[in-house]
């Protein structure tokens, strides 16, 4: 008599067979033993896994690049990451410190690691967690350069970037087209929100103390020295004769003085065109001289003197 049995009533679906899922005890990168300095792991969003994970992943039908979902089941916190190397001890994985803070994990805590497929990012928005981020000359270029060490982004995470030996934290406010996206070989638009705790500088309102308009008193300008006045002198003839009345400068009228008098009715944005519409004064003296002039009424002169005949 022969007995045969099958542990599973139905064969495992292919989607389940191609999924990597296991638990590791996680530690920060500073706990990684070895002579080499692995501070580069802290500057990005990738983890270090044991060699057995690579052996298992190579047997599964997974897509590349390898992306993983990290979950802390005790706090229901999750994030996404890539993998940098497979050199950790068995049963252990090493995470950047900022990633452990997002997952609320302590040294030696358990984390669930699952392989996932993420959509390629098209847009992301960040909020600096300190106004000091504004001191960077070109923050967008600095962020884009730092994101080269990341494999994916998750909405709600607080990532950390290192610039000029200083750590800057930024919260991922929004990602498109999904809440978790891949940023490997993508064309992504980056935007910034106002930094946490940032206050716009208050603009000092200019207080214009408007005094009542006073009529300008131009009489005081009549006594001042106006200096040079054009065409106010008298003319001289080459033959030494003087004809007509010598012109004398007319006294200045206070209303005629234009230089140095401000326009008290000036308003910003208003242009005033002033045209001289005053009637010209009649020159009575010139008219009298013209009326007295009689053509060819002068006396002739002879260069040769005529002597009297005896």
Protein backbone atom coordinates (compact mmCIF):
# COMPACT_ATOMS: atom_id res chain seq x y z
CA UNK A 1 0.00 0.00 0.00
CA UNK A 2 1.40 3.36 -1.01
CA UNK A 3 0.46 6.70 0.48
CA UNK A 4 1.14 10.04 -1.12
CA UNK A 5 0.18 13.49 0.07
CA UNK A 6 0.75 17.12 -0.85
CA UNK A 7 1.45 19.71 1.85
CA UNK A 8 -0.31 22.43 -0.17
CA UNK A 9 -3.63 21.86 -1.88
CA UNK A 10 -2.69 24.37 -4.60
CA UNK A 11 0.68 25.29 -6.05
CA UNK A 12 2.20 28.56 -4.84
CA UNK A 13 1.43 31.51 -7.13
CA UNK A 14 4.35 32.89 -9.10
CA UNK A 15 3.92 36.33 -7.58
CA UNK A 16 4.45 34.92 -4.09
CA UNK A 17 7.46 32.89 -5.19
CA UNK A 18 9.21 35.96 -6.55
CA UNK A 19 8.82 37.95 -3.36
CA UNK A 20 11.63 38.37 -0.88
CA UNK A 21 10.51 38.75 2.72
CA UNK A 22 12.48 38.15 5.90
CA UNK A 23 13.34 39.68 9.27
CA UNK A 24 16.69 41.04 10.42
CA UNK A 25 18.10 42.63 13.49
CA UNK A 26 19.12 46.11 12.50
CA UNK A 27 22.05 48.20 13.68
CA UNK A 28 23.39 51.58 12.72
CA UNK A 29 26.35 51.79 10.35
CA UNK A 30 28.64 52.86 13.18
CA UNK A 31 28.29 49.32 14.56
CA UNK A 32 29.60 47.75 11.36
CA UNK A 33 32.86 45.98 12.08
CA UNK A 34 35.73 46.41 9.69
CA UNK A 35 38.78 48.53 8.94
CA UNK A 36 37.05 50.58 6.26
CA UNK A 37 35.14 53.72 7.10
CA UNK A 38 31.52 53.33 5.96
CA UNK A 39 30.37 56.86 6.63
CA UNK A 40 29.17 56.97 3.01
CA UNK A 41 26.20 54.81 4.04
CA UNK A 42 25.00 57.57 6.38
CA UNK A 43 24.90 60.00 3.45
CA UNK A 44 22.34 58.02 1.47
CA UNK A 45 19.27 55.84 1.56
CA UNK A 46 20.74 52.35 1.10
CA UNK A 47 21.32 49.50 3.55
CA UNK A 48 23.86 46.68 3.94
CA UNK A 49 22.46 43.14 3.96
CA UNK A 50 24.01 39.67 4.60
CA UNK A 51 25.30 37.48 1.72
CA UNK A 52 22.46 35.00 2.21
CA UNK A 53 20.02 37.69 1.07
CA UNK A 54 21.88 37.99 -2.24
CA UNK A 55 21.80 34.22 -2.70
CA UNK A 56 18.05 34.15 -2.06
CA UNK A 57 17.34 37.16 -4.26
CA UNK A 58 19.27 35.65 -7.16
CA UNK A 59 16.98 32.60 -7.06
CA UNK A 60 13.83 34.74 -7.28
CA UNK A 61 12.35 36.44 -10.28
CA UNK A 62 12.76 40.03 -9.08
CA UNK A 63 13.16 43.24 -11.00
CA UNK A 64 16.21 45.46 -10.87
CA UNK A 65 17.25 47.73 -9.28
CA UNK A 66 16.56 45.96 -5.99
CA UNK A 67 14.24 48.03 -3.82
CA UNK A 68 12.97 47.06 -0.40
CA UNK A 69 10.23 48.01 2.01
CA UNK A 70 11.31 48.21 5.65
CA UNK A 71 8.60 47.83 8.31
CA UNK A 72 8.70 48.10 12.07
CA UNK A 73 5.69 46.04 13.10
CA UNK A 74 5.84 47.30 16.68
CA UNK A 75 5.22 50.90 15.65
CA UNK A 76 3.60 50.42 12.20
CA UNK A 77 6.26 52.63 10.69
CA UNK A 78 7.63 51.86 7.26
CA UNK A 79 10.02 53.28 4.68
CA UNK A 80 11.72 52.23 1.46
CA UNK A 81 15.38 51.84 0.55
CA UNK A 82 17.91 50.29 -1.78
CA UNK A 83 20.81 47.97 -1.04
CA UNK A 84 24.45 49.00 -1.17
CA UNK A 85 26.34 45.78 -0.37
CA UNK A 86 25.85 42.23 0.92
CA UNK A 87 28.65 42.07 3.51
CA UNK A 88 26.75 42.11 6.82
CA UNK A 89 26.78 39.25 9.29
CA UNK A 90 24.01 36.68 8.94
CA UNK A 91 20.73 37.76 10.46
CA UNK A 92 21.86 41.40 10.66
CA UNK A 93 21.41 44.44 8.44
CA UNK A 94 22.89 47.90 8.82
CA UNK A 95 20.80 51.02 8.31
CA UNK A 96 21.59 54.76 8.20
CA UNK A 97 20.85 56.50 11.47
CA UNK A 98 18.14 58.74 10.00
CA UNK A 99 16.32 55.66 8.67
CA UNK A 100 16.32 54.03 12.10
CA UNK A 101 14.86 57.23 13.56
CA UNK A 102 12.04 57.20 11.00
CA UNK A 103 11.24 53.57 11.88
CA UNK A 104 11.55 54.23 15.64
CA UNK A 105 14.06 51.40 15.87
CA UNK A 106 16.73 50.89 18.51
CA UNK A 107 19.99 49.01 18.15
CA UNK A 108 19.20 45.32 17.67
CA UNK A 109 15.52 45.87 16.90
CA UNK A 110 13.67 43.64 14.43
CA UNK A 111 12.80 44.98 11.00
CA UNK A 112 10.83 43.30 8.24
CA UNK A 113 12.53 43.53 4.81
CA UNK A 114 10.42 42.91 1.69
CA UNK A 115 11.26 43.36 -1.97
CA UNK A 116 9.00 45.80 -3.84
CA UNK A 117 8.58 47.42 -7.23
CA UNK A 118 8.17 51.21 -7.20
CA UNK A 119 7.12 53.66 -9.87
CA UNK A 120 9.64 56.15 -11.21
CA UNK A 121 9.41 59.58 -9.60
CA UNK A 122 8.33 62.65 -11.54
CA UNK A 123 7.95 65.19 -8.71
CA UNK A 124 8.97 65.61 -5.09
CA UNK A 125 8.60 68.35 -2.51
CA UNK A 126 10.80 68.83 0.55
CA UNK A 127 10.58 70.88 3.72
CA UNK A 128 13.86 71.74 5.46
CA UNK A 129 13.64 71.14 9.19
CA UNK A 130 15.78 74.17 9.98
CA UNK A 131 16.07 77.69 8.51
CA UNK A 132 19.84 77.09 8.31
CA UNK A 133 19.21 75.30 5.01
CA UNK A 134 18.56 78.71 3.44
CA UNK A 135 22.18 79.69 4.11
CA UNK A 136 23.25 77.36 1.29
CA UNK A 137 23.97 79.30 -1.87
CA UNK A 138 22.24 76.85 -4.22
CA UNK A 139 20.10 74.49 -2.11
CA UNK A 140 18.43 72.84 -5.08
CA UNK A 141 21.74 71.79 -6.62
CA UNK A 142 23.00 70.53 -3.24
CA UNK A 143 19.88 68.42 -2.76
CA UNK A 144 19.98 66.99 -6.26
CA UNK A 145 23.61 66.00 -5.75
CA UNK A 146 22.81 64.36 -2.38
CA UNK A 147 19.89 62.40 -3.84
CA UNK A 148 22.31 60.46 -6.04
CA UNK A 149 23.05 58.32 -2.99
CA UNK A 150 19.36 57.47 -2.55
CA UNK A 151 17.39 54.79 -4.35
CA UNK A 152 13.84 55.80 -3.43
CA UNK A 153 11.76 58.29 -1.47
CA UNK A 154 8.78 57.81 0.82
CA UNK A 155 6.28 60.52 1.69
CA UNK A 156 6.58 61.46 5.37
CA UNK A 157 10.22 60.42 5.79
CA UNK A 158 12.81 62.80 7.20
CA UNK A 159 16.01 62.29 5.23
CA UNK A 160 19.44 63.63 6.17
CA UNK A 161 22.04 65.05 3.80
CA UNK A 162 25.61 66.06 4.56
CA UNK A 163 26.95 69.33 3.16
CA UNK A 164 30.10 71.15 4.29
CA UNK A 165 30.43 68.83 7.29
CA UNK A 166 26.94 69.73 8.49
CA UNK A 167 23.84 67.55 8.59
CA UNK A 168 20.63 69.00 7.13
CA UNK A 169 17.31 67.23 7.64
CA UNK A 170 14.49 67.49 5.12
CA UNK A 171 11.00 66.06 5.33
CA UNK A 172 9.54 64.51 2.17
CA UNK A 173 6.22 66.35 1.90
CA UNK A 174 5.00 64.96 -1.41
CA UNK A 175 6.02 62.52 -4.13
CA UNK A 176 4.45 61.77 -7.48
CA UNK A 177 3.05 59.59 -8.96
CA UNK A 178 2.88 57.56 -5.72
CA UNK A 179 3.65 57.92 -2.02
CA UNK A 180 6.78 55.81 -2.52
CA UNK A 181 8.81 56.27 -5.69
CA UNK A 182 12.10 55.23 -7.21
CA UNK A 183 14.57 58.00 -8.05
CA UNK A 184 17.12 55.92 -9.96
CA UNK A 185 17.69 57.28 -13.47
CA UNK A 186 14.66 59.55 -13.43
CA UNK A 187 13.78 63.08 -14.47
CA UNK A 188 12.27 64.51 -11.30
CA UNK A 189 11.18 68.05 -10.54
CA UNK A 190 12.24 69.19 -7.08
CA UNK A 191 10.40 71.83 -5.07
CA UNK A 192 10.80 73.29 -1.57
CA UNK A 193 8.37 74.26 1.14
CA UNK A 194 9.10 76.96 3.71
CA UNK A 195 11.57 75.67 6.34
CA UNK A 196 10.21 74.61 9.69
CA UNK A 197 10.26 77.57 12.06
CA UNK A 198 10.97 80.07 9.27
CA UNK A 199 9.52 83.54 9.69
CA UNK A 200 9.50 86.06 6.91
CA UNK A 201 11.25 89.30 7.82
CA UNK A 202 8.81 92.00 8.76
CA UNK A 203 8.82 94.90 6.41
CA UNK A 204 9.08 98.22 8.14
CA UNK A 205 6.18 100.34 7.03
CA UNK A 206 7.28 103.80 6.09
CA UNK A 207 5.33 106.27 8.12
CA UNK A 208 4.48 109.27 5.99
CA UNK A 209 3.66 112.16 8.24
CA UNK A 210 1.60 114.35 5.98
CA UNK A 211 1.78 117.94 7.12
CA UNK A 212 -0.92 120.40 6.04
CA UNK A 213 -0.12 121.99 2.74
CA UNK A 214 1.12 125.50 3.14
CA UNK A 215 1.10 127.99 0.35
CA UNK A 216 4.59 128.78 -0.81
CA UNK A 217 5.75 132.27 -0.04
CA UNK A 218 7.81 133.33 -3.03
CA UNK A 219 8.53 136.83 -1.75
CA UNK A 220 11.66 135.65 0.03
CA UNK A 221 13.19 134.60 -3.27
CA UNK A 222 13.11 138.12 -4.66
CA UNK A 223 15.86 139.31 -2.34
CA UNK A 224 18.27 136.49 -3.05
CA UNK A 225 21.14 136.80 -5.48
CA UNK A 226 20.12 135.09 -8.69
CA UNK A 227 23.60 135.46 -10.20
CA UNK A 228 24.08 135.71 -13.93
CA UNK A 229 21.15 136.87 -16.07
CA UNK A 230 21.50 136.47 -19.80
CA UNK A 231 20.99 139.35 -22.26
CA UNK A 232 20.59 142.05 -19.63
CA UNK A 233 23.56 144.24 -20.60
CA UNK A 234 23.71 147.17 -23.00
CA UNK A 235 25.07 147.04 -26.55
CA UNK A 236 28.03 149.04 -27.90
CA UNK A 237 28.52 150.25 -31.45
CA UNK A 238 31.85 150.09 -33.26
CA UNK A 239 31.63 153.78 -34.21
CA UNK A 240 31.03 154.83 -30.62
CA UNK A 241 27.58 156.24 -31.25
CA UNK A 242 24.69 155.54 -28.96
CA UNK A 243 21.29 155.25 -30.47
CA UNK A 244 18.01 154.78 -28.73
CA UNK A 245 17.57 154.17 -25.05
CA UNK A 246 19.94 151.90 -23.28
CA UNK A 247 18.02 148.87 -21.99
CA UNK A 248 18.00 148.51 -18.29
CA UNK A 249 17.33 145.15 -16.61
CA UNK A 250 13.75 144.89 -15.47
CA UNK A 251 13.31 144.14 -11.78
CA UNK A 252 12.65 140.51 -10.94
CA UNK A 253 9.15 139.51 -10.14
CA UNK A 254 8.95 136.80 -7.43
CA UNK A 255 6.61 134.76 -9.62
CA UNK A 256 9.23 134.73 -12.43
CA UNK A 257 11.81 132.88 -10.34
CA UNK A 258 11.69 129.22 -11.32
CA UNK A 259 15.03 127.88 -10.20
CA UNK A 260 15.16 126.46 -6.68
CA UNK A 261 11.41 126.52 -6.03
CA UNK A 262 10.07 123.02 -5.29
CA UNK A 263 6.72 121.86 -6.53
CA UNK A 264 4.75 121.38 -3.34
CA UNK A 265 1.86 119.76 -5.21
CA UNK A 266 4.05 116.97 -6.66
CA UNK A 267 2.64 113.45 -6.35
CA UNK A 268 4.45 110.20 -7.17
CA UNK A 269 3.27 108.79 -10.48
CA UNK A 270 1.84 112.09 -11.70
CA UNK A 271 3.48 114.05 -14.50
CA UNK A 272 2.58 117.72 -14.88
CA UNK A 273 3.28 119.60 -18.11
CA UNK A 274 3.57 123.35 -17.41
CA UNK A 275 3.04 125.59 -20.38
CA UNK A 276 3.73 129.34 -20.38
CA UNK A 277 0.32 130.70 -21.26
CA UNK A 278 0.84 134.18 -19.85
CA UNK A 279 0.44 137.03 -22.34
CA UNK A 280 3.66 138.71 -23.30
CA UNK A 281 3.99 142.28 -21.93
CA UNK A 282 3.84 145.04 -24.49
CA UNK A 283 7.09 146.82 -25.06
CA UNK A 284 5.92 150.40 -25.02
CA UNK A 285 9.40 151.80 -25.14
CA UNK A 286 10.22 149.93 -28.36
CA UNK A 287 7.00 151.12 -29.99
CA UNK A 288 7.78 154.74 -29.10
CA UNK A 289 11.25 154.42 -30.58
CA UNK A 290 9.81 152.99 -33.79
CA UNK A 291 7.23 155.80 -33.99
CA UNK A 292 9.95 158.47 -33.54
CA UNK A 293 12.20 156.95 -36.21
CA UNK A 294 12.15 158.86 -39.54
CA UNK A 295 14.05 157.35 -42.41
CA UNK A 296 16.81 159.39 -44.12
CA UNK A 297 16.53 162.19 -41.61
CA UNK A 298 20.16 162.19 -40.49
CA UNK A 299 22.90 164.61 -41.38
CA UNK A 300 25.63 163.72 -43.79
CA UNK A 301 29.34 164.03 -42.98
CA UNK A 302 32.19 164.68 -45.37
CA UNK A 303 35.70 163.47 -44.86
CA UNK A 304 37.12 166.44 -46.76
CA UNK A 305 36.69 169.88 -45.32
CA UNK A 306 35.69 172.57 -47.81
CA UNK A 307 37.50 175.86 -47.31
CA UNK A 308 35.86 179.25 -47.87
CA UNK A 309 36.81 181.19 -50.90
CA UNK A 310 38.13 184.68 -50.20
